[in-house]
C-alpha atoms as a PDB file:
ATOM      1  CA  UNK A   1     152.544  38.139 -64.216  1.00  0.00           C
ATOM      2  CA  UNK A   2     154.743  41.028 -65.349  1.00  0.00           C
ATOM      3  CA  UNK A   3     156.834  42.792 -62.741  1.00  0.00           C
ATOM      4  CA  UNK A   4     156.200  46.494 -62.572  1.00  0.00           C
ATOM      5  CA  UNK A   5     159.057  48.932 -62.469  1.00  0.00           C
ATOM      6  CA  UNK A   6     159.141  50.530 -58.984  1.00  0.00           C
ATOM      7  CA  UNK A   7     159.361  53.935 -60.653  1.00  0.00           C
ATOM      8  CA  UNK A   8     156.185  53.348 -62.683  1.00  0.00           C
ATOM      9  CA  UNK A   9     154.005  55.254 -60.232  1.00  0.00           C
ATOM     10  CA  UNK A  10     156.425  58.185 -60.274  1.00  0.00           C
ATOM     11  CA  UNK A  11     156.539  58.199 -64.081  1.00  0.00           C
ATOM     12  CA  UNK A  12     152.754  57.988 -64.211  1.00  0.00           C
ATOM     13  CA  UNK A  13     152.450  60.962 -61.859  1.00  0.00           C
ATOM     14  CA  UNK A  14     155.002  62.902 -63.899  1.00  0.00           C
ATOM     15  CA  UNK A  15     153.694  62.073 -67.388  1.00  0.00           C
ATOM     16  CA  UNK A  16     149.961  61.419 -67.077  1.00  0.00           C
ATOM     17  CA  UNK A  17     148.586  63.443 -64.196  1.00  0.00           C
ATOM     18  CA  UNK A  18     149.493  66.875 -65.661  1.00  0.00           C
ATOM     19  CA  UNK A  19     147.493  65.982 -68.797  1.00  0.00           C
ATOM     20  CA  UNK A  20     144.205  65.042 -67.101  1.00  0.00           C
ATOM     21  CA  UNK A  21     142.573  68.408 -67.789  1.00  0.00           C
ATOM     22  CA  UNK A  22     143.494  68.269 -71.487  1.00  0.00           C
ATOM     23  CA  UNK A  23     142.311  64.670 -71.750  1.00  0.00           C
ATOM     24  CA  UNK A  24     139.008  65.620 -70.126  1.00  0.00           C
ATOM     25  CA  UNK A  25     138.454  68.536 -72.523  1.00  0.00           C
ATOM     26  CA  UNK A  26     139.208  66.376 -75.557  1.00  0.00           C
ATOM     27  CA  UNK A  27     137.074  63.489 -74.262  1.00  0.00           C
ATOM     28  CA  UNK A  28     134.182  65.834 -73.544  1.00  0.00           C
ATOM     29  CA  UNK A  29     134.324  67.305 -77.024  1.00  0.00           C
ATOM     30  CA  UNK A  30     134.492  63.851 -78.612  1.00  0.00           C
ATOM     31  CA  UNK A  31     131.774  62.214 -76.528  1.00  0.00           C
ATOM     32  CA  UNK A  32     129.504  65.177 -75.858  1.00  0.00           C
ATOM     33  CA  UNK A  33     128.713  63.775 -72.420  1.00  0.00           C
ATOM     34  CA  UNK A  34     130.439  64.409 -69.105  1.00  0.00           C
ATOM     35  CA  UNK A  35     129.790  60.861 -67.905  1.00  0.00           C
ATOM     36  CA  UNK A  36     131.121  59.298 -71.119  1.00  0.00           C
ATOM     37  CA  UNK A  37     134.119  61.652 -71.086  1.00  0.00           C
ATOM     38  CA  UNK A  38     134.955  60.658 -67.520  1.00  0.00           C
ATOM     39  CA  UNK A  39     134.727  56.981 -68.467  1.00  0.00           C
ATOM     40  CA  UNK A  40     137.001  57.487 -71.476  1.00  0.00           C
ATOM     41  CA  UNK A  41     139.574  59.423 -69.421  1.00  0.00           C
ATOM     42  CA  UNK A  42     139.497  56.821 -66.658  1.00  0.00           C
ATOM     43  CA  UNK A  43     140.069  53.972 -69.127  1.00  0.00           C
ATOM     44  CA  UNK A  44     142.811  56.018 -70.819  1.00  0.00           C
ATOM     45  CA  UNK A  45     144.584  56.495 -67.509  1.00  0.00           C
ATOM     46  CA  UNK A  46     144.303  52.794 -66.734  1.00  0.00           C
ATOM     47  CA  UNK A  47     145.797  51.852 -70.093  1.00  0.00           C
ATOM     48  CA  UNK A  48     148.515  54.484 -69.727  1.00  0.00           C
ATOM     49  CA  UNK A  49     149.434  53.112 -66.304  1.00  0.00           C
ATOM     50  CA  UNK A  50     149.693  49.596 -67.704  1.00  0.00           C
ATOM     51  CA  UNK A  51     151.908  50.820 -70.561  1.00  0.00           C
ATOM     52  CA  UNK A  52     154.012  53.420 -68.706  1.00  0.00           C
ATOM     53  CA  UNK A  53     157.050  51.107 -68.643  1.00  0.00           C
ATOM     54  CA  UNK A  54     156.985  50.930 -72.447  1.00  0.00           C
ATOM     55  CA  UNK A  55     156.507  54.680 -72.983  1.00  0.00           C
ATOM     56  CA  UNK A  56     159.660  56.346 -74.337  1.00  0.00           C
ATOM     57  CA  UNK A  57     158.966  59.679 -72.638  1.00  0.00           C
ATOM     58  CA  UNK A  58     158.618  61.698 -75.826  1.00  0.00           C
ATOM     59  CA  UNK A  59     155.398  63.563 -76.607  1.00  0.00           C
ATOM     60  CA  UNK A  60     153.300  62.489 -73.611  1.00  0.00           C
ATOM     61  CA  UNK A  61     150.225  64.466 -74.704  1.00  0.00           C
ATOM     62  CA  UNK A  62     150.179  62.885 -78.159  1.00  0.00           C
ATOM     63  CA  UNK A  63     150.697  59.452 -76.593  1.00  0.00           C
ATOM     64  CA  UNK A  64     147.821  59.952 -74.154  1.00  0.00           C
ATOM     65  CA  UNK A  65     145.460  61.444 -76.737  1.00  0.00           C
ATOM     66  CA  UNK A  66     146.165  58.503 -79.030  1.00  0.00           C
ATOM     67  CA  UNK A  67     145.226  56.123 -76.230  1.00  0.00           C
ATOM     68  CA  UNK A  68     142.140  58.250 -75.527  1.00  0.00           C
ATOM     69  CA  UNK A  69     141.124  58.154 -79.188  1.00  0.00           C
ATOM     70  CA  UNK A  70     141.467  54.369 -79.277  1.00  0.00           C
ATOM     71  CA  UNK A  71     139.464  53.992 -76.067  1.00  0.00           C
ATOM     72  CA  UNK A  72     136.702  56.176 -77.504  1.00  0.00           C
ATOM     73  CA  UNK A  73     136.628  54.338 -80.846  1.00  0.00           C
ATOM     74  CA  UNK A  74     136.383  51.005 -79.036  1.00  0.00           C
ATOM     75  CA  UNK A  75     133.582  52.247 -76.791  1.00  0.00           C
ATOM     76  CA  UNK A  76     131.631  53.559 -79.789  1.00  0.00           C
ATOM     77  CA  UNK A  77     132.002  50.241 -81.587  1.00  0.00           C
ATOM     78  CA  UNK A  78     130.649  48.387 -78.563  1.00  0.00           C
ATOM     79  CA  UNK A  79     127.513  50.527 -78.302  1.00  0.00           C
ATOM     80  CA  UNK A  80     126.931  51.527 -81.932  1.00  0.00           C
ATOM     81  CA  UNK A  81     123.352  50.106 -82.100  1.00  0.00           C
ATOM     82  CA  UNK A  82     122.356  52.344 -79.176  1.00  0.00           C
ATOM     83  CA  UNK A  83     123.538  55.443 -81.041  1.00  0.00           C
ATOM     84  CA  UNK A  84     120.912  54.890 -83.728  1.00  0.00           C
ATOM     85  CA  UNK A  85     118.048  55.471 -81.297  1.00  0.00           C
ATOM     86  CA  UNK A  86     116.619  58.472 -79.483  1.00  0.00           C
ATOM     87  CA  UNK A  87     116.161  58.254 -75.732  1.00  0.00           C
ATOM     88  CA  UNK A  88     112.488  57.407 -76.376  1.00  0.00           C
ATOM     89  CA  UNK A  89     113.546  54.308 -78.356  1.00  0.00           C
ATOM     90  CA  UNK A  90     112.546  55.602 -81.807  1.00  0.00           C
ATOM     91  CA  UNK A  91     114.942  55.206 -84.681  1.00  0.00           C
ATOM     92  CA  UNK A  92     116.723  58.440 -85.635  1.00  0.00           C
ATOM     93  CA  UNK A  93     116.289  57.657 -89.308  1.00  0.00           C
ATOM     94  CA  UNK A  94     112.479  57.865 -88.997  1.00  0.00           C
ATOM     95  CA  UNK A  95     112.634  61.605 -88.378  1.00  0.00           C
ATOM     96  CA  UNK A  96     109.932  63.327 -90.461  1.00  0.00           C
ATOM     97  CA  UNK A  97     111.123  65.693 -93.147  1.00  0.00           C
ATOM     98  CA  UNK A  98     110.113  69.337 -92.962  1.00  0.00           C
ATOM     99  CA  UNK A  99     109.892  71.305 -96.197  1.00  0.00           C
ATOM    100  CA  UNK A 100     108.625  74.730 -95.166  1.00  0.00           C
ATOM    101  CA  UNK A 101     108.823  75.463 -91.455  1.00  0.00           C
ATOM    102  CA  UNK A 102     109.611  78.347 -89.162  1.00  0.00           C
ATOM    103  CA  UNK A 103     113.283  79.152 -88.657  1.00  0.00           C
ATOM    104  CA  UNK A 104     113.354  77.488 -85.230  1.00  0.00           C
ATOM    105  CA  UNK A 105     112.072  74.233 -86.642  1.00  0.00           C
ATOM    106  CA  UNK A 106     114.470  74.525 -89.588  1.00  0.00           C
ATOM    107  CA  UNK A 107     117.383  74.984 -87.203  1.00  0.00           C
ATOM    108  CA  UNK A 108     116.351  71.938 -85.186  1.00  0.00           C
ATOM    109  CA  UNK A 109     115.878  69.899 -88.344  1.00  0.00           C
ATOM    110  CA  UNK A 110     119.230  71.037 -89.693  1.00  0.00           C
ATOM    111  CA  UNK A 111     120.963  70.125 -86.429  1.00  0.00           C
ATOM    112  CA  UNK A 112     119.225  66.742 -86.300  1.00  0.00           C
ATOM    113  CA  UNK A 113     120.216  65.916 -89.884  1.00  0.00           C
ATOM    114  CA  UNK A 114     123.806  66.979 -89.212  1.00  0.00           C
ATOM    115  CA  UNK A 115     123.873  64.772 -86.112  1.00  0.00           C
ATOM    116  CA  UNK A 116     122.488  61.793 -88.015  1.00  0.00           C
ATOM    117  CA  UNK A 117     124.955  62.369 -90.857  1.00  0.00           C
ATOM    118  CA  UNK A 118     127.851  62.738 -88.410  1.00  0.00           C
ATOM    119  CA  UNK A 119     126.910  59.566 -86.504  1.00  0.00           C
ATOM    120  CA  UNK A 120     126.611  57.620 -89.763  1.00  0.00           C
ATOM    121  CA  UNK A 121     130.177  58.472 -90.820  1.00  0.00           C
ATOM    122  CA  UNK A 122     132.818  55.750 -90.581  1.00  0.00           C
ATOM    123  CA  UNK A 123     135.018  56.065 -87.481  1.00  0.00           C
ATOM    124  CA  UNK A 124     137.999  57.576 -89.319  1.00  0.00           C
ATOM    125  CA  UNK A 125     135.879  60.315 -90.934  1.00  0.00           C
ATOM    126  CA  UNK A 126     133.911  61.048 -87.758  1.00  0.00           C
ATOM    127  CA  UNK A 127     137.153  61.358 -85.811  1.00  0.00           C
ATOM    128  CA  UNK A 128     138.647  63.930 -88.178  1.00  0.00           C
ATOM    129  CA  UNK A 129     135.444  66.015 -88.129  1.00  0.00           C
ATOM    130  CA  UNK A 130     135.492  65.921 -84.340  1.00  0.00           C
ATOM    131  CA  UNK A 131     139.122  66.966 -84.093  1.00  0.00           C
ATOM    132  CA  UNK A 132     139.123  69.705 -86.756  1.00  0.00           C
ATOM    133  CA  UNK A 133     135.563  71.029 -86.966  1.00  0.00           C
ATOM    134  CA  UNK A 134     134.336  70.446 -83.417  1.00  0.00           C
ATOM    135  CA  UNK A 135     137.500  70.898 -81.360  1.00  0.00           C
ATOM    136  CA  UNK A 136     139.101  73.437 -83.693  1.00  0.00           C
ATOM    137  CA  UNK A 137     142.419  71.658 -84.021  1.00  0.00           C
ATOM    138  CA  UNK A 138     144.733  72.381 -86.915  1.00  0.00           C
ATOM    139  CA  UNK A 139     145.320  69.742 -89.561  1.00  0.00           C
ATOM    140  CA  UNK A 140     148.795  69.171 -88.107  1.00  0.00           C
ATOM    141  CA  UNK A 141     147.454  68.638 -84.579  1.00  0.00           C
ATOM    142  CA  UNK A 142     144.783  66.239 -85.827  1.00  0.00           C
ATOM    143  CA  UNK A 143     147.387  64.389 -87.896  1.00  0.00           C
ATOM    144  CA  UNK A 144     149.601  63.948 -84.828  1.00  0.00           C
ATOM    145  CA  UNK A 145     146.739  62.556 -82.751  1.00  0.00           C
ATOM    146  CA  UNK A 146     145.516  60.290 -85.551  1.00  0.00           C
ATOM    147  CA  UNK A 147     149.070  59.290 -86.456  1.00  0.00           C
ATOM    148  CA  UNK A 148     148.447  60.006 -90.143  1.00  0.00           C
ATOM    149  CA  UNK A 149     149.905  62.469 -92.648  1.00  0.00           C
ATOM    150  CA  UNK A 150     148.336  65.935 -92.879  1.00  0.00           C
ATOM    151  CA  UNK A 151     147.183  65.126 -96.423  1.00  0.00           C
ATOM    152  CA  UNK A 152     145.197  62.178 -95.107  1.00  0.00           C
ATOM    153  CA  UNK A 153     143.512  64.429 -92.556  1.00  0.00           C
ATOM    154  CA  UNK A 154     142.611  66.880 -95.305  1.00  0.00           C
ATOM    155  CA  UNK A 155     141.209  64.231 -97.652  1.00  0.00           C
ATOM    156  CA  UNK A 156     139.217  62.530 -94.882  1.00  0.00           C
ATOM    157  CA  UNK A 157     137.798  65.873 -93.800  1.00  0.00           C
ATOM    158  CA  UNK A 158     136.821  66.656 -97.398  1.00  0.00           C
ATOM    159  CA  UNK A 159     135.059  63.284 -97.769  1.00  0.00           C
ATOM    160  CA  UNK A 160     133.315  63.647 -94.405  1.00  0.00           C
ATOM    161  CA  UNK A 161     132.039  67.135 -95.177  1.00  0.00           C
ATOM    162  CA  UNK A 162     130.839  65.996 -98.610  1.00  0.00           C
ATOM    163  CA  UNK A 163     128.858  63.147 -97.020  1.00  0.00           C
ATOM    164  CA  UNK A 164     127.286  65.498 -94.485  1.00  0.00           C
ATOM    165  CA  UNK A 165     126.361  67.968 -97.244  1.00  0.00           C
ATOM    166  CA  UNK A 166     124.821  65.112 -99.256  1.00  0.00           C
ATOM    167  CA  UNK A 167     122.656  64.089 -96.262  1.00  0.00           C
ATOM    168  CA  UNK A 168     121.552  67.713 -95.845  1.00  0.00           C
ATOM    169  CA  UNK A 169     120.684  67.887 -99.512  1.00  0.00           C
ATOM    170  CA  UNK A 170     118.740  64.592 -99.347  1.00  0.00           C
ATOM    171  CA  UNK A 171     116.752  65.965 -96.397  1.00  0.00           C
ATOM    172  CA  UNK A 172     116.111  69.250 -98.199  1.00  0.00           C
ATOM    173  CA  UNK A 173     117.763  71.221 -95.434  1.00  0.00           C
ATOM    174  CA  UNK A 174     120.537  73.757 -95.886  1.00  0.00           C
ATOM    175  CA  UNK A 175     122.009  76.616 -93.851  1.00  0.00           C
ATOM    176  CA  UNK A 176     122.388  78.586 -97.055  1.00  0.00           C
ATOM    177  CA  UNK A 177     118.609  79.019 -97.281  1.00  0.00           C
ATOM    178  CA  UNK A 178     117.396  82.404 -96.154  1.00  0.00           C
ATOM    179  CA  UNK A 179     115.499  82.303 -92.901  1.00  0.00           C
ATOM    180  CA  UNK A 180     111.919  83.454 -93.235  1.00  0.00           C
END
C-alpha cells in the first residue's frame, strides 16, 4: 500500500475544494442531470484525492476538469446502451418523422433529432460540442480541457456540426424553415 503524504489533505483542501462549484457547473452542463453531475464530481474528487501527491500544483482547474472529463467519458461508455432508449423503453431511433406539423411539434421534433444526433456522435466530437456550443467555452478553453491544439477543437467542432446537420436533413427538419 502506498504511503500518503501527511500534507495531502491540506493540499486537497487548498487545490480541490475551491473548484467544487466550477466542477459542478461543468458536470451539470455535460450530463444534463443533477444526480449524474453529483456522481461525476464525487468521482472526480476521489480521483483527485488519490492523485494529489502527483499533482504539480500548476493549473488546478484544468487538472480537475480533465479528470472530470475522463470520469464522464468512462461513465458514458459504461451505460451507452441505456442512452439509446427513452424512459418508456422504446428505442430513440424509432421516432416517427413529421413532415408538416404545427410549430410546437416541429420544435419538439427538431430538438429530438438534435439530441439523437448529439448522442450518436463519437465521444471526442460530443465533448467538443458540449464544451463550445453548450457551455459556451472558447476554443482555447476547450483545447486546454481536452488537452488538444485549438485547431483540433475547431476541426472536431466542424465535423460534429456537419454530422448533426446531416441528421437534421435526413429527418427533414431544419430551423431555417419558416414557422407556420
